Every structure is written in structure tokens, then in C-alpha cells.
């Protein structure tokens, strides 16, 4: 069982919901990301989804992964 599965099972057994937070690495800055991420558990976050932005070239233009995802929603 992974740590994530174990956390879900632990909270389910306690009758609690799981608070999962998403944070993008380096946004708005590397320093701010670290500060924000370190504060999430104190805010009640159980699981942190830490994403790393990936850039790619599509049709000769640089596109960033997070922007691509937002455009698909």
C-alpha cells in the first residue's frame, strides 16, 4: 500500500474527508512555493499534489503544461 492509499484509508476509518491540495512548483517563485507548501499541513491539507511545469514545443511555439491543461478544461 502506498503512502497515499494509507492516508486515504486512515482518514476513511476515522470518518473524515481527505483534503488534497495542488501546488505548481516555482509559481509565483521558488521561494514562495516552498513557503506555501510548508504551510499547507498547518492549514489542514492531508495530501500535497506537487506539480512540475513542463514546457514543450508545439507547431514551433513554446507551450507550458499548466497552460495547456487550463485550456483543455
Protein backbone atom coordinates (compact mmCIF):
# COMPACT_ATOMS: atom_id res chain seq x y z
CA UNK A 1 0.00 0.00 0.00
CA UNK A 2 1.36 3.41 -0.96
CA UNK A 3 1.55 6.30 1.49
CA UNK A 4 -1.30 7.98 -0.36
CA UNK A 5 -3.50 4.86 -0.12
CA UNK A 6 -2.61 4.56 3.56
CA UNK A 7 -3.60 8.19 4.21
CA UNK A 8 -6.95 7.73 2.43
CA UNK A 9 -7.60 4.53 4.42
CA UNK A 10 -6.62 6.18 7.72
CA UNK A 11 -8.95 9.13 7.18
CA UNK A 12 -11.79 6.94 5.91
CA UNK A 13 -11.51 4.74 9.01
CA UNK A 14 -11.74 7.88 11.14
CA UNK A 15 -14.83 9.03 9.21
CA UNK A 16 -13.02 12.07 7.83
CA UNK A 17 -12.69 13.55 4.35
CA UNK A 18 -9.32 13.95 2.67
CA UNK A 19 -8.11 17.45 1.82
CA UNK A 20 -5.82 17.28 -1.23
CA UNK A 21 -4.10 20.49 -2.34
CA UNK A 22 -2.42 21.18 -5.69
CA UNK A 23 0.62 23.43 -5.96
CA UNK A 24 2.73 24.28 -9.02
CA UNK A 25 6.49 24.31 -8.49
CA UNK A 26 8.01 27.76 -8.91
CA UNK A 27 4.72 29.66 -9.07
CA UNK A 28 4.93 32.53 -8.31
CA UNK A 29 8.61 31.91 -7.35
CA UNK A 30 10.68 29.01 -5.99
CA UNK A 31 10.92 30.71 -2.59
CA UNK A 32 7.18 31.38 -2.40
CA UNK A 33 6.40 27.81 -3.50
CA UNK A 34 8.44 26.39 -0.63
CA UNK A 35 6.88 28.76 1.90
CA UNK A 36 3.35 27.99 0.69
CA UNK A 37 3.97 24.24 0.56
CA UNK A 38 5.38 24.15 4.09
CA UNK A 39 2.27 25.94 5.38
CA UNK A 40 -0.25 23.58 3.78
CA UNK A 41 -0.28 20.91 6.55
CA UNK A 42 -1.00 23.58 9.19
CA UNK A 43 -3.94 24.67 7.01
CA UNK A 44 -5.36 21.14 7.23
CA UNK A 45 -4.06 19.68 3.98
CA UNK A 46 -3.65 15.89 4.14
CA UNK A 47 -2.02 15.27 0.75
CA UNK A 48 0.00 17.71 -1.37
CA UNK A 49 -0.08 17.26 -5.15
CA UNK A 50 3.20 18.91 -6.17
CA UNK A 51 3.41 19.56 -9.91
CA UNK A 52 6.42 20.46 -12.01
CA UNK A 53 5.69 22.59 -15.06
CA UNK A 54 6.82 21.01 -18.29
CA UNK A 55 7.41 23.13 -21.37
CA UNK A 56 7.14 21.73 -24.87
CA UNK A 57 7.28 22.99 -28.41
CA UNK A 58 4.11 22.56 -30.45
CA UNK A 59 3.97 23.86 -34.01
CA UNK A 60 7.08 25.95 -33.40
CA UNK A 61 5.66 27.66 -30.30
CA UNK A 62 6.70 27.10 -26.71
CA UNK A 63 3.76 25.94 -24.59
CA UNK A 64 3.72 25.26 -20.88
CA UNK A 65 2.00 22.24 -19.41
CA UNK A 66 -0.13 24.15 -16.90
CA UNK A 67 -1.44 26.50 -19.57
CA UNK A 68 -2.24 23.55 -21.83
CA UNK A 69 -4.21 21.91 -19.03
CA UNK A 70 -6.18 25.06 -18.28
CA UNK A 71 -7.06 25.49 -21.95
CA UNK A 72 -8.48 21.93 -22.03
CA UNK A 73 -10.83 22.49 -19.09
